[in-house]
Amino acid sequence: MGQFSDIAAQEMYREPGVDLDLTEALSGGRSVFGGGRYETLVCPGAIDGIPVLTFTAPWSVNETEWNAPSASYIKVLGSGLLEAGAWDVETVARYLAACPGAAGHWTAREVADLVAG
């Protein structure tokens, strides 16, 4: 909880070192701390009884102006998806190339070259 709170606080441009109150997010699935881009906590469920928590923006995906991800970001995402073990390079590449922001900027072949390299 402390590590998650510190990372979330930093993304919220707040001083780390104080545990966030996760009660609302854990009980209701969502908690908004402010209007900033990472000030909304989401708990989509649990894995093996352990709550899964993340932070995001309070606005909808349809309200977002997309930027093309950098090569290094694509590589990090692709490596993580490969490490999970469910998909091969081609599946990861097709998925990432179709995501908002990447679509129209990255081809599946380009992504595969980055991820496999």
C-alpha atoms as a PDB file:
ATOM      1  CA  MET A   1       0.000   0.000   0.000  1.00  0.00           C
ATOM      2  CA  GLY A   2       2.832   2.380   0.830  1.00  0.00           C
ATOM      3  CA  GLN A   3       4.596   1.852  -2.481  1.00  0.00           C
ATOM      4  CA  PHE A   4       1.362   2.263  -4.470  1.00  0.00           C
ATOM      5  CA  SER A   5       0.506   5.418  -2.493  1.00  0.00           C
ATOM      6  CA  ASP A   6       3.952   6.899  -3.124  1.00  0.00           C
ATOM      7  CA  ILE A   7       3.830   6.244  -6.865  1.00  0.00           C
ATOM      8  CA  ALA A   8       0.258   7.549  -7.141  1.00  0.00           C
ATOM      9  CA  ALA A   9       1.134  10.659  -5.115  1.00  0.00           C
ATOM     10  CA  GLN A  10       4.079  11.399  -7.397  1.00  0.00           C
ATOM     11  CA  GLU A  11       1.877  11.031 -10.491  1.00  0.00           C
ATOM     12  CA  MET A  12      -0.654  13.371  -8.832  1.00  0.00           C
ATOM     13  CA  TYR A  13       2.153  15.920  -8.234  1.00  0.00           C
ATOM     14  CA  ARG A  14       1.713  15.472  -4.476  1.00  0.00           C
ATOM     15  CA  GLU A  15       4.289  14.859  -1.787  1.00  0.00           C
ATOM     16  CA  PRO A  16       4.852  11.093  -1.318  1.00  0.00           C
ATOM     17  CA  GLY A  17       5.150   9.520   2.105  1.00  0.00           C
ATOM     18  CA  VAL A  18       1.519   9.415   3.228  1.00  0.00           C
ATOM     19  CA  ASP A  19      -0.689   6.418   2.470  1.00  0.00           C
ATOM     20  CA  LEU A  20      -3.730   7.291   0.373  1.00  0.00           C
ATOM     21  CA  ASP A  21      -7.165   6.435   1.717  1.00  0.00           C
ATOM     22  CA  LEU A  22      -8.093   3.524  -0.560  1.00  0.00           C
ATOM     23  CA  THR A  23     -11.421   2.762   1.160  1.00  0.00           C
ATOM     24  CA  GLU A  24     -13.669   4.248  -1.536  1.00  0.00           C
ATOM     25  CA  ALA A  25     -11.697   2.697  -4.421  1.00  0.00           C
ATOM     26  CA  LEU A  26     -11.638  -0.733  -2.774  1.00  0.00           C
ATOM     27  CA  SER A  27     -15.308  -0.731  -1.792  1.00  0.00           C
ATOM     28  CA  GLY A  28     -16.819   1.101  -4.770  1.00  0.00           C
ATOM     29  CA  GLY A  29     -14.304   0.465  -7.522  1.00  0.00           C
ATOM     30  CA  ARG A  30     -13.366   4.114  -8.025  1.00  0.00           C
ATOM     31  CA  SER A  31     -12.164   7.141  -6.078  1.00  0.00           C
ATOM     32  CA  VAL A  32     -11.464  10.628  -7.439  1.00  0.00           C
ATOM     33  CA  PHE A  33      -8.865  12.694  -5.589  1.00  0.00           C
ATOM     34  CA  GLY A  34      -8.915  15.612  -8.032  1.00  0.00           C
ATOM     35  CA  GLY A  35      -9.203  16.605 -11.673  1.00  0.00           C
ATOM     36  CA  GLY A  36      -5.618  15.892 -12.689  1.00  0.00           C
ATOM     37  CA  ARG A  37      -4.606  13.259 -15.177  1.00  0.00           C
ATOM     38  CA  TYR A  38      -3.752  10.570 -12.601  1.00  0.00           C
ATOM     39  CA  GLU A  39      -5.982  11.579  -9.690  1.00  0.00           C
ATOM     40  CA  THR A  40      -8.599   8.859 -10.142  1.00  0.00           C
ATOM     41  CA  LEU A  41      -8.005   5.468  -8.520  1.00  0.00           C
ATOM     42  CA  VAL A  42      -9.704   2.412 -10.004  1.00  0.00           C
ATOM     43  CA  CYS A  43     -10.091  -1.050  -8.515  1.00  0.00           C
ATOM     44  CA  PRO A  44     -11.428  -3.328 -11.291  1.00  0.00           C
ATOM     45  CA  GLY A  45     -11.429  -6.403  -9.037  1.00  0.00           C
ATOM     46  CA  ALA A  46      -9.060  -8.807  -7.369  1.00  0.00           C
ATOM     47  CA  ILE A  47      -6.671 -11.558  -8.361  1.00  0.00           C
ATOM     48  CA  ASP A  48      -6.364 -14.436  -5.917  1.00  0.00           C
ATOM     49  CA  GLY A  49      -8.129 -12.279  -3.329  1.00  0.00           C
ATOM     50  CA  ILE A  50      -5.678  -9.384  -3.694  1.00  0.00           C
ATOM     51  CA  PRO A  51      -7.197  -6.094  -4.929  1.00  0.00           C
ATOM     52  CA  VAL A  52      -5.930  -4.732  -8.232  1.00  0.00           C
ATOM     53  CA  LEU A  53      -5.471  -0.953  -8.153  1.00  0.00           C
ATOM     54  CA  THR A  54      -4.439   1.553 -10.767  1.00  0.00           C
ATOM     55  CA  PHE A  55      -4.718   5.285 -11.345  1.00  0.00           C
ATOM     56  CA  THR A  56      -5.993   7.123 -14.368  1.00  0.00           C
ATOM     57  CA  ALA A  57      -7.553  10.370 -15.531  1.00  0.00           C
ATOM     58  CA  PRO A  58     -11.146  11.251 -14.628  1.00  0.00           C
ATOM     59  CA  TRP A  59     -12.071  11.999 -18.232  1.00  0.00           C
ATOM     60  CA  SER A  60     -13.297   9.491 -20.800  1.00  0.00           C
ATOM     61  CA  VAL A  61     -11.120   7.900 -23.453  1.00  0.00           C
ATOM     62  CA  ASN A  62     -13.268   9.700 -26.050  1.00  0.00           C
ATOM     63  CA  GLU A  63     -12.208  13.066 -24.602  1.00  0.00           C
ATOM     64  CA  THR A  64      -8.498  12.393 -25.071  1.00  0.00           C
ATOM     65  CA  GLU A  65      -6.231  13.930 -27.696  1.00  0.00           C
ATOM     66  CA  TRP A  66      -3.976  11.045 -28.707  1.00  0.00           C
ATOM     67  CA  ASN A  67      -0.234  11.285 -29.234  1.00  0.00           C
ATOM     68  CA  ALA A  68       1.794   8.646 -31.013  1.00  0.00           C
ATOM     69  CA  PRO A  69       3.807   6.595 -28.493  1.00  0.00           C
ATOM     70  CA  SER A  70       7.587   6.658 -28.754  1.00  0.00           C
ATOM     71  CA  ALA A  71       9.580   3.640 -29.875  1.00  0.00           C
ATOM     72  CA  SER A  72      10.897   3.101 -26.348  1.00  0.00           C
ATOM     73  CA  TYR A  73       7.348   3.151 -24.913  1.00  0.00           C
ATOM     74  CA  ILE A  74       6.128   0.656 -27.536  1.00  0.00           C
ATOM     75  CA  LYS A  75       9.081  -1.589 -26.696  1.00  0.00           C
ATOM     76  CA  VAL A  76       8.357  -1.479 -22.943  1.00  0.00           C
ATOM     77  CA  LEU A  77       4.658  -2.258 -23.462  1.00  0.00           C
ATOM     78  CA  GLY A  78       5.435  -5.031 -25.929  1.00  0.00           C
ATOM     79  CA  SER A  79       8.064  -6.585 -23.689  1.00  0.00           C
ATOM     80  CA  GLY A  80       5.638  -6.639 -20.781  1.00  0.00           C
ATOM     81  CA  LEU A  81       2.906  -8.258 -22.858  1.00  0.00           C
ATOM     82  CA  LEU A  82       5.354 -10.870 -24.132  1.00  0.00           C
ATOM     83  CA  GLU A  83       6.595 -11.570 -20.630  1.00  0.00           C
ATOM     84  CA  ALA A  84       3.026 -12.310 -19.529  1.00  0.00           C
ATOM     85  CA  GLY A  85       3.297 -15.321 -21.831  1.00  0.00           C
ATOM     86  CA  ALA A  86      -0.165 -15.366 -23.388  1.00  0.00           C
ATOM     87  CA  TRP A  87       0.747 -13.812 -26.756  1.00  0.00           C
ATOM     88  CA  ASP A  88       3.507 -14.205 -29.316  1.00  0.00           C
ATOM     89  CA  VAL A  89       5.347 -11.298 -30.961  1.00  0.00           C
ATOM     90  CA  GLU A  90       2.947 -11.034 -33.898  1.00  0.00           C
ATOM     91  CA  THR A  91      -0.146 -10.934 -31.664  1.00  0.00           C
ATOM     92  CA  VAL A  92       1.424  -8.288 -29.417  1.00  0.00           C
ATOM     93  CA  ALA A  93       2.439  -6.256 -32.475  1.00  0.00           C
ATOM     94  CA  ARG A  94      -1.028  -6.369 -34.028  1.00  0.00           C
ATOM     95  CA  TYR A  95      -2.619  -5.401 -30.712  1.00  0.00           C
ATOM     96  CA  LEU A  96      -0.302  -2.453 -30.014  1.00  0.00           C
ATOM     97  CA  ALA A  97      -0.417  -1.141 -33.595  1.00  0.00           C
ATOM     98  CA  ALA A  98      -4.227  -1.004 -33.367  1.00  0.00           C
ATOM     99  CA  CYS A  99      -4.371   0.876 -30.044  1.00  0.00           C
ATOM    100  CA  PRO A 100      -5.407   4.544 -29.969  1.00  0.00           C
ATOM    101  CA  GLY A 101      -2.390   6.754 -30.470  1.00  0.00           C
ATOM    102  CA  ALA A 102      -0.380   4.035 -32.187  1.00  0.00           C
ATOM    103  CA  ALA A 103      -2.967   3.321 -34.890  1.00  0.00           C
ATOM    104  CA  GLY A 104      -1.992   5.186 -38.023  1.00  0.00           C
ATOM    105  CA  HIS A 105       1.499   5.887 -36.670  1.00  0.00           C
ATOM    106  CA  TRP A 106       2.912   2.403 -36.093  1.00  0.00           C
ATOM    107  CA  THR A 107       2.453  -0.675 -38.271  1.00  0.00           C
ATOM    108  CA  ALA A 108       2.328  -4.155 -36.804  1.00  0.00           C
ATOM    109  CA  ARG A 109       5.613  -4.927 -38.608  1.00  0.00           C
ATOM    110  CA  GLU A 110       7.337  -1.904 -37.066  1.00  0.00           C
ATOM    111  CA  VAL A 111       6.082  -2.845 -33.619  1.00  0.00           C
ATOM    112  CA  ALA A 112       7.153  -6.476 -34.088  1.00  0.00           C
ATOM    113  CA  ASP A 113      10.660  -5.324 -35.074  1.00  0.00           C
ATOM    114  CA  LEU A 114      10.891  -3.194 -31.931  1.00  0.00           C
ATOM    115  CA  VAL A 115       9.538  -5.854 -29.595  1.00  0.00           C
ATOM    116  CA  ALA A 116      11.552  -8.735 -31.065  1.00  0.00           C
ATOM    117  CA  GLY A 117      14.755  -6.699 -31.255  1.00  0.00           C
END
